[in-house]
N, C-alpha and C. Protein backbone atom coordinates (compact mmCIF):
# COMPACT_ATOMS: atom_id res chain seq x y z
N UNK A 1 0.84 -1.18 0.00
CA UNK A 1 0.00 0.00 0.00
C UNK A 1 0.89 1.25 0.00
N UNK A 2 0.50 2.24 -0.80
CA UNK A 2 1.15 3.54 -0.84
C UNK A 2 0.13 4.57 -0.38
N UNK A 3 0.56 5.49 0.46
CA UNK A 3 -0.35 6.57 0.85
C UNK A 3 0.41 7.86 1.09
N UNK A 4 -0.32 8.96 0.99
CA UNK A 4 0.27 10.28 1.27
C UNK A 4 0.72 10.29 2.73
N UNK A 5 1.90 10.83 2.94
CA UNK A 5 2.39 10.96 4.31
C UNK A 5 1.78 12.21 4.93
N UNK A 6 1.23 12.03 6.10
CA UNK A 6 0.67 13.15 6.83
C UNK A 6 1.61 13.55 7.96
N UNK A 7 1.22 14.58 8.66
CA UNK A 7 2.07 15.09 9.76
C UNK A 7 2.31 14.04 10.84
N UNK A 8 1.40 13.10 11.00
CA UNK A 8 1.57 12.06 12.02
C UNK A 8 2.57 10.99 11.60
N UNK A 9 3.04 11.03 10.35
CA UNK A 9 3.99 10.03 9.86
C UNK A 9 5.38 10.61 9.59
N UNK A 10 5.61 11.82 10.05
CA UNK A 10 6.88 12.49 9.75
C UNK A 10 8.09 11.79 10.36
N UNK A 11 7.94 11.20 11.53
CA UNK A 11 9.08 10.51 12.13
C UNK A 11 9.45 9.26 11.34
N UNK A 12 8.47 8.50 10.90
CA UNK A 12 8.75 7.32 10.07
C UNK A 12 9.38 7.75 8.76
N UNK A 13 8.90 8.82 8.20
CA UNK A 13 9.45 9.37 6.97
C UNK A 13 10.90 9.80 7.16
N UNK A 14 11.18 10.49 8.25
CA UNK A 14 12.55 10.94 8.54
C UNK A 14 13.49 9.76 8.76
N UNK A 15 13.01 8.71 9.42
CA UNK A 15 13.85 7.52 9.64
C UNK A 15 14.26 6.89 8.31
N UNK A 16 13.38 6.88 7.34
CA UNK A 16 13.72 6.36 6.01
C UNK A 16 14.64 7.32 5.27
N UNK A 17 14.34 8.61 5.36
CA UNK A 17 15.12 9.62 4.63
C UNK A 17 16.57 9.67 5.09
N UNK A 18 16.82 9.44 6.35
CA UNK A 18 18.19 9.45 6.88
C UNK A 18 19.03 8.36 6.21
N UNK A 19 18.39 7.27 5.85
CA UNK A 19 19.12 6.19 5.19
C UNK A 19 19.60 6.60 3.79
N UNK A 20 18.90 7.54 3.18
CA UNK A 20 19.31 8.01 1.86
C UNK A 20 20.13 9.29 1.96
N UNK A 21 19.69 10.21 2.79
CA UNK A 21 20.36 11.50 2.93
C UNK A 21 21.03 11.55 4.29
N UNK A 22 22.13 10.84 4.44
CA UNK A 22 22.86 10.83 5.71
C UNK A 22 23.35 12.22 6.07
N UNK A 23 23.81 12.35 7.29
CA UNK A 23 24.35 13.62 7.73
C UNK A 23 23.30 14.57 8.29
N UNK A 24 22.08 14.10 8.43
CA UNK A 24 21.00 14.92 9.00
C UNK A 24 20.52 14.29 10.29
N UNK A 25 19.96 15.09 11.14
CA UNK A 25 19.28 14.59 12.32
C UNK A 25 17.81 14.36 11.97
N UNK A 26 17.23 13.35 12.57
CA UNK A 26 15.81 13.07 12.30
C UNK A 26 14.95 14.28 12.64
N UNK A 27 15.26 14.96 13.72
CA UNK A 27 14.45 16.12 14.12
C UNK A 27 14.52 17.24 13.09
N UNK A 28 15.68 17.42 12.45
CA UNK A 28 15.81 18.43 11.39
C UNK A 28 14.91 18.07 10.20
N UNK A 29 14.94 16.80 9.83
CA UNK A 29 14.13 16.36 8.69
C UNK A 29 12.64 16.46 9.00
N UNK A 30 12.24 16.11 10.21
CA UNK A 30 10.83 16.23 10.60
C UNK A 30 10.37 17.68 10.43
N UNK A 31 11.18 18.62 10.90
CA UNK A 31 10.83 20.04 10.77
C UNK A 31 10.76 20.46 9.30
N UNK A 32 11.75 20.06 8.52
CA UNK A 32 11.79 20.41 7.10
C UNK A 32 10.60 19.81 6.35
N UNK A 33 10.31 18.54 6.60
CA UNK A 33 9.20 17.87 5.91
C UNK A 33 7.86 18.46 6.31
N UNK A 34 7.72 18.82 7.57
CA UNK A 34 6.49 19.45 8.05
C UNK A 34 6.23 20.76 7.32
N UNK A 35 7.29 21.54 7.14
CA UNK A 35 7.17 22.82 6.43
C UNK A 35 6.79 22.60 4.96
N UNK A 36 7.40 21.62 4.32
CA UNK A 36 7.08 21.32 2.91
C UNK A 36 5.61 20.95 2.76
N UNK A 37 5.13 20.08 3.63
CA UNK A 37 3.72 19.67 3.56
C UNK A 37 2.80 20.86 3.82
N UNK A 38 3.16 21.70 4.79
CA UNK A 38 2.32 22.87 5.13
C UNK A 38 2.20 23.85 3.98
N UNK A 39 3.29 24.04 3.21
CA UNK A 39 3.26 24.99 2.09
C UNK A 39 2.38 24.51 0.95
N UNK A 40 2.19 23.19 0.82
CA UNK A 40 1.29 22.65 -0.19
C UNK A 40 1.89 22.48 -1.57
N UNK A 41 3.17 22.82 -1.76
CA UNK A 41 3.77 22.64 -3.09
C UNK A 41 4.68 21.42 -3.15
N UNK A 42 4.57 20.57 -2.15
CA UNK A 42 5.32 19.33 -2.11
C UNK A 42 4.52 18.26 -1.40
N UNK A 43 4.84 17.02 -1.71
CA UNK A 43 4.13 15.91 -1.08
C UNK A 43 5.07 14.74 -0.89
N UNK A 44 4.86 14.00 0.17
CA UNK A 44 5.59 12.78 0.45
C UNK A 44 4.61 11.61 0.38
N UNK A 45 5.11 10.50 -0.11
CA UNK A 45 4.33 9.27 -0.14
C UNK A 45 5.14 8.20 0.57
N UNK A 46 4.45 7.36 1.33
CA UNK A 46 5.08 6.24 2.03
C UNK A 46 4.59 4.93 1.44
N UNK A 47 5.50 4.00 1.28
CA UNK A 47 5.17 2.64 0.85
C UNK A 47 5.21 1.76 2.08
N UNK A 48 4.14 0.98 2.27
CA UNK A 48 4.05 0.07 3.40
C UNK A 48 4.08 -1.37 2.92
N UNK A 49 4.78 -2.21 3.65
CA UNK A 49 4.73 -3.66 3.48
C UNK A 49 4.13 -4.17 4.78
N UNK A 50 2.93 -4.70 4.69
CA UNK A 50 2.12 -4.98 5.87
C UNK A 50 1.86 -3.62 6.53
N UNK A 51 2.24 -3.44 7.78
CA UNK A 51 2.07 -2.15 8.45
C UNK A 51 3.39 -1.42 8.63
N UNK A 52 4.44 -1.89 7.98
CA UNK A 52 5.79 -1.35 8.15
C UNK A 52 6.14 -0.40 6.99
N UNK A 53 6.48 0.87 7.30
CA UNK A 53 6.92 1.76 6.23
C UNK A 53 8.29 1.32 5.72
N UNK A 54 8.40 1.03 4.42
CA UNK A 54 9.65 0.49 3.86
C UNK A 54 10.25 1.40 2.79
N UNK A 55 9.56 2.46 2.42
CA UNK A 55 10.08 3.37 1.40
C UNK A 55 9.27 4.64 1.34
N UNK A 56 9.85 5.63 0.66
CA UNK A 56 9.16 6.90 0.51
C UNK A 56 9.59 7.57 -0.78
N UNK A 57 8.79 8.54 -1.20
CA UNK A 57 9.14 9.42 -2.31
C UNK A 57 8.72 10.82 -1.93
N UNK A 58 9.51 11.78 -2.39
CA UNK A 58 9.19 13.20 -2.21
C UNK A 58 9.08 13.83 -3.58
N UNK A 59 7.98 14.54 -3.81
CA UNK A 59 7.82 15.27 -5.06
C UNK A 59 7.42 16.71 -4.75
N UNK A 60 7.74 17.59 -5.66
CA UNK A 60 7.51 19.02 -5.50
C UNK A 60 6.94 19.59 -6.79
N UNK A 61 6.38 20.75 -6.68
CA UNK A 61 6.03 21.55 -7.84
C UNK A 61 7.14 22.57 -8.01
N UNK A 62 7.74 22.58 -9.19
CA UNK A 62 8.80 23.55 -9.45
C UNK A 62 8.31 24.56 -10.48
N UNK A 63 8.48 25.82 -10.13
CA UNK A 63 8.06 26.92 -11.00
C UNK A 63 9.24 27.59 -11.69
N UNK A 64 10.45 27.29 -11.24
CA UNK A 64 11.66 27.79 -11.88
C UNK A 64 11.96 26.93 -13.11
N UNK A 65 12.96 27.30 -13.86
CA UNK A 65 13.32 26.51 -15.04
C UNK A 65 13.82 25.14 -14.62
N UNK A 66 13.30 24.12 -15.27
CA UNK A 66 13.76 22.74 -15.05
C UNK A 66 14.34 22.26 -16.36
N UNK A 67 15.59 21.83 -16.32
CA UNK A 67 16.33 21.38 -17.50
C UNK A 67 15.50 20.42 -18.34
N UNK A 68 15.35 20.74 -19.64
CA UNK A 68 14.68 19.85 -20.58
C UNK A 68 13.17 19.95 -20.62
N UNK A 69 12.57 20.87 -19.85
CA UNK A 69 11.11 20.99 -19.84
C UNK A 69 10.66 22.25 -20.56
N UNK A 70 9.36 22.29 -20.88
CA UNK A 70 8.81 23.42 -21.63
C UNK A 70 7.64 24.09 -20.91
N UNK A 71 7.14 23.49 -19.85
CA UNK A 71 5.95 24.01 -19.17
C UNK A 71 6.26 24.35 -17.72
N UNK A 72 5.30 24.97 -17.08
CA UNK A 72 5.40 25.25 -15.65
C UNK A 72 4.01 25.17 -15.05
N UNK A 73 3.82 24.68 -13.86
CA UNK A 73 4.84 24.06 -13.04
C UNK A 73 5.24 22.68 -13.57
N UNK A 74 6.35 22.20 -13.07
CA UNK A 74 6.83 20.86 -13.40
C UNK A 74 6.82 20.05 -12.12
N UNK A 75 6.26 18.84 -12.19
CA UNK A 75 6.38 17.93 -11.07
C UNK A 75 7.82 17.44 -11.00
N UNK A 76 8.37 17.36 -9.81
CA UNK A 76 9.78 17.01 -9.68
C UNK A 76 9.96 15.96 -8.60
N UNK A 77 10.62 14.88 -8.96
CA UNK A 77 10.95 13.83 -8.00
C UNK A 77 12.20 14.27 -7.25
N UNK A 78 12.03 14.67 -6.01
CA UNK A 78 13.15 15.17 -5.21
C UNK A 78 13.95 14.02 -4.59
N UNK A 79 13.29 12.92 -4.34
CA UNK A 79 13.97 11.77 -3.75
C UNK A 79 13.05 10.58 -3.70
N UNK A 80 13.65 9.40 -3.80
CA UNK A 80 12.89 8.16 -3.70
C UNK A 80 13.80 7.12 -3.06
N UNK A 81 13.26 6.37 -2.12
CA UNK A 81 14.07 5.41 -1.38
C UNK A 81 13.23 4.21 -0.99
N UNK A 82 13.81 3.04 -1.16
CA UNK A 82 13.22 1.79 -0.69
C UNK A 82 14.28 1.09 0.16
N UNK A 83 13.90 0.63 1.34
CA UNK A 83 14.83 -0.10 2.20
C UNK A 83 15.41 -1.30 1.45
N UNK A 84 16.66 -1.59 1.72
CA UNK A 84 17.40 -2.59 0.96
C UNK A 84 16.69 -3.95 0.88
N UNK A 85 16.11 -4.39 1.97
CA UNK A 85 15.46 -5.70 2.00
C UNK A 85 14.17 -5.74 1.17
N UNK A 86 13.69 -4.58 0.72
CA UNK A 86 12.41 -4.51 0.01
C UNK A 86 12.56 -4.08 -1.45
N UNK A 87 13.77 -4.03 -1.93
CA UNK A 87 14.02 -3.59 -3.30
C UNK A 87 13.71 -4.69 -4.30
N UNK A 88 13.57 -4.30 -5.56
CA UNK A 88 13.32 -5.21 -6.69
C UNK A 88 11.94 -5.88 -6.57
N UNK A 89 10.99 -5.16 -5.97
CA UNK A 89 9.62 -5.67 -5.84
C UNK A 89 8.61 -4.74 -6.51
N UNK A 90 9.11 -3.71 -7.19
CA UNK A 90 8.21 -2.76 -7.84
C UNK A 90 7.72 -1.65 -6.94
N UNK A 91 8.23 -1.58 -5.72
CA UNK A 91 7.75 -0.58 -4.76
C UNK A 91 8.09 0.85 -5.20
N UNK A 92 9.30 1.04 -5.75
CA UNK A 92 9.69 2.38 -6.19
C UNK A 92 8.78 2.85 -7.33
N UNK A 93 8.42 1.94 -8.20
CA UNK A 93 7.51 2.29 -9.30
C UNK A 93 6.16 2.72 -8.75
N UNK A 94 5.66 2.02 -7.75
CA UNK A 94 4.38 2.39 -7.13
C UNK A 94 4.45 3.81 -6.57
N UNK A 95 5.55 4.12 -5.90
CA UNK A 95 5.72 5.46 -5.34
C UNK A 95 5.78 6.51 -6.44
N UNK A 96 6.52 6.22 -7.49
CA UNK A 96 6.65 7.17 -8.61
C UNK A 96 5.28 7.43 -9.25
N UNK A 97 4.50 6.39 -9.45
CA UNK A 97 3.16 6.55 -10.04
C UNK A 97 2.32 7.51 -9.19
N UNK A 98 2.39 7.37 -7.87
CA UNK A 98 1.63 8.28 -6.99
C UNK A 98 2.13 9.71 -7.11
N UNK A 99 3.45 9.89 -7.21
CA UNK A 99 4.01 11.23 -7.38
C UNK A 99 3.53 11.85 -8.69
N UNK A 100 3.53 11.07 -9.75
CA UNK A 100 3.09 11.56 -11.05
C UNK A 100 1.61 11.92 -11.02
N UNK A 101 0.79 11.11 -10.37
CA UNK A 101 -0.64 11.42 -10.23
C UNK A 101 -0.84 12.74 -9.49
N UNK A 102 -0.08 12.89 -8.40
CA UNK A 102 -0.18 14.11 -7.60
C UNK A 102 0.20 15.33 -8.45
N UNK A 103 1.30 15.21 -9.19
CA UNK A 103 1.76 16.32 -10.03
C UNK A 103 0.70 16.67 -11.09
N UNK A 104 0.16 15.66 -11.73
CA UNK A 104 -0.86 15.90 -12.76
C UNK A 104 -2.09 16.57 -12.15
N UNK A 105 -2.51 16.13 -10.98
CA UNK A 105 -3.66 16.73 -10.30
C UNK A 105 -3.38 18.18 -9.90
N UNK A 106 -2.11 18.56 -9.83
CA UNK A 106 -1.71 19.92 -9.48
C UNK A 106 -1.32 20.74 -10.70
N UNK A 107 -1.78 20.32 -11.88
CA UNK A 107 -1.62 21.12 -13.08
C UNK A 107 -0.35 20.89 -13.87
N UNK A 108 0.42 19.87 -13.54
CA UNK A 108 1.67 19.61 -14.27
C UNK A 108 1.42 18.78 -15.52
N UNK A 109 2.11 19.15 -16.59
CA UNK A 109 2.09 18.37 -17.82
C UNK A 109 3.40 17.64 -18.03
N UNK A 110 4.41 17.97 -17.21
CA UNK A 110 5.70 17.31 -17.29
C UNK A 110 6.17 16.94 -15.89
N UNK A 111 7.05 15.93 -15.87
CA UNK A 111 7.60 15.45 -14.61
C UNK A 111 9.10 15.26 -14.82
N UNK A 112 9.91 15.65 -13.87
CA UNK A 112 11.36 15.60 -14.03
C UNK A 112 12.02 15.10 -12.75
N UNK A 113 13.32 14.86 -12.86
CA UNK A 113 14.11 14.39 -11.73
C UNK A 113 15.58 14.60 -12.05
N UNK A 114 16.44 14.25 -11.14
CA UNK A 114 17.87 14.28 -11.39
C UNK A 114 18.53 13.24 -10.50
N UNK A 115 19.81 13.00 -10.78
CA UNK A 115 20.60 12.13 -9.91
C UNK A 115 22.07 12.49 -10.10
N UNK A 116 22.87 12.05 -9.17
CA UNK A 116 24.30 12.27 -9.26
C UNK A 116 24.86 11.50 -10.44
N UNK A 117 25.87 12.07 -11.09
CA UNK A 117 26.45 11.46 -12.29
C UNK A 117 27.01 10.07 -12.03
N UNK A 118 27.51 9.82 -10.84
CA UNK A 118 28.09 8.50 -10.54
C UNK A 118 27.08 7.50 -10.00
N UNK A 119 25.84 7.91 -9.80
CA UNK A 119 24.82 7.03 -9.24
C UNK A 119 24.15 6.22 -10.36
N UNK A 120 24.82 5.17 -10.77
CA UNK A 120 24.32 4.36 -11.89
C UNK A 120 23.03 3.62 -11.55
N UNK A 121 22.84 3.26 -10.28
CA UNK A 121 21.58 2.62 -9.90
C UNK A 121 20.40 3.56 -10.13
N UNK A 122 20.58 4.82 -9.74
CA UNK A 122 19.52 5.80 -9.94
C UNK A 122 19.29 6.08 -11.42
N UNK A 123 20.36 6.15 -12.19
CA UNK A 123 20.21 6.35 -13.64
C UNK A 123 19.41 5.20 -14.25
N UNK A 124 19.72 3.98 -13.87
CA UNK A 124 19.00 2.81 -14.38
C UNK A 124 17.52 2.89 -14.00
N UNK A 125 17.23 3.23 -12.74
CA UNK A 125 15.85 3.37 -12.29
C UNK A 125 15.11 4.38 -13.15
N UNK A 126 15.69 5.56 -13.34
CA UNK A 126 15.03 6.60 -14.11
C UNK A 126 14.75 6.16 -15.55
N UNK A 127 15.72 5.54 -16.18
CA UNK A 127 15.51 5.07 -17.56
C UNK A 127 14.42 4.00 -17.62
N UNK A 128 14.44 3.08 -16.66
CA UNK A 128 13.45 2.01 -16.61
C UNK A 128 12.03 2.58 -16.41
N UNK A 129 11.94 3.69 -15.70
CA UNK A 129 10.64 4.31 -15.42
C UNK A 129 10.19 5.26 -16.52
N UNK A 130 10.94 5.31 -17.62
CA UNK A 130 10.50 6.10 -18.76
C UNK A 130 11.06 7.51 -18.84
N UNK A 131 11.95 7.88 -17.93
CA UNK A 131 12.59 9.19 -18.01
C UNK A 131 13.58 9.20 -19.17
N UNK A 132 13.74 10.37 -19.79
CA UNK A 132 14.73 10.58 -20.84
C UNK A 132 15.78 11.53 -20.30
N UNK A 133 17.03 11.21 -20.49
CA UNK A 133 18.10 12.08 -20.02
C UNK A 133 18.06 13.39 -20.79
N UNK A 134 18.03 14.51 -20.07
CA UNK A 134 17.94 15.83 -20.70
C UNK A 134 19.30 16.49 -20.85
N UNK A 135 20.22 16.21 -19.95
CA UNK A 135 21.51 16.88 -19.97
C UNK A 135 22.41 16.26 -18.91
N UNK A 136 23.69 16.47 -19.05
CA UNK A 136 24.66 16.11 -18.01
C UNK A 136 25.43 17.37 -17.69
N UNK A 137 25.52 17.67 -16.40
CA UNK A 137 26.27 18.86 -16.00
C UNK A 137 27.17 18.53 -14.83
N UNK A 138 28.19 19.31 -14.70
CA UNK A 138 29.04 19.28 -13.52
C UNK A 138 29.00 20.68 -12.96
N UNK A 139 28.66 20.80 -11.70
CA UNK A 139 28.54 22.10 -11.06
C UNK A 139 29.85 22.45 -10.36
N UNK A 140 30.22 23.71 -10.42
CA UNK A 140 31.46 24.17 -9.79
C UNK A 140 31.12 25.26 -8.79
N UNK A 141 31.96 25.38 -7.77
CA UNK A 141 31.86 26.49 -6.83
C UNK A 141 33.27 26.95 -6.49
N UNK A 142 33.34 28.19 -5.99
CA UNK A 142 34.60 28.67 -5.43
C UNK A 142 34.28 29.75 -4.42
N UNK A 143 35.13 29.87 -3.46
CA UNK A 143 34.92 30.90 -2.45
C UNK A 143 35.49 32.20 -2.94
N UNK A 144 34.83 33.28 -2.60
CA UNK A 144 35.29 34.62 -2.98
C UNK A 144 35.94 35.33 -1.81
């Protein structure tokens, strides 16, 4: 079962998110996720196996330019994660379908995402789910 994550599920959501986005405290993520849900331009979905949350996806509405798109807003997959023991069961696809439905219901005609250049697992997932690569970039910074 996949369902929209509500404010009462933020701790379970943060516990999963830490596994993907290390270096954060669960309390920081709970606060950040609560704010995203409150603003209404983002949504989280949780995948359950029995009654256990085993994965999540975060999607947003983006009004700024999104590489390779022509419309606005664009639905954007900000992150998707399935616990290791639950992978290769189609759970990520279920989450993505819910994100796409949410984006379409919010006026989006396009859906986009990104991943790190070295993350070949994520690249494979995106291609398998019907995404087309729009561009490859390397970002630079320097201190002034």
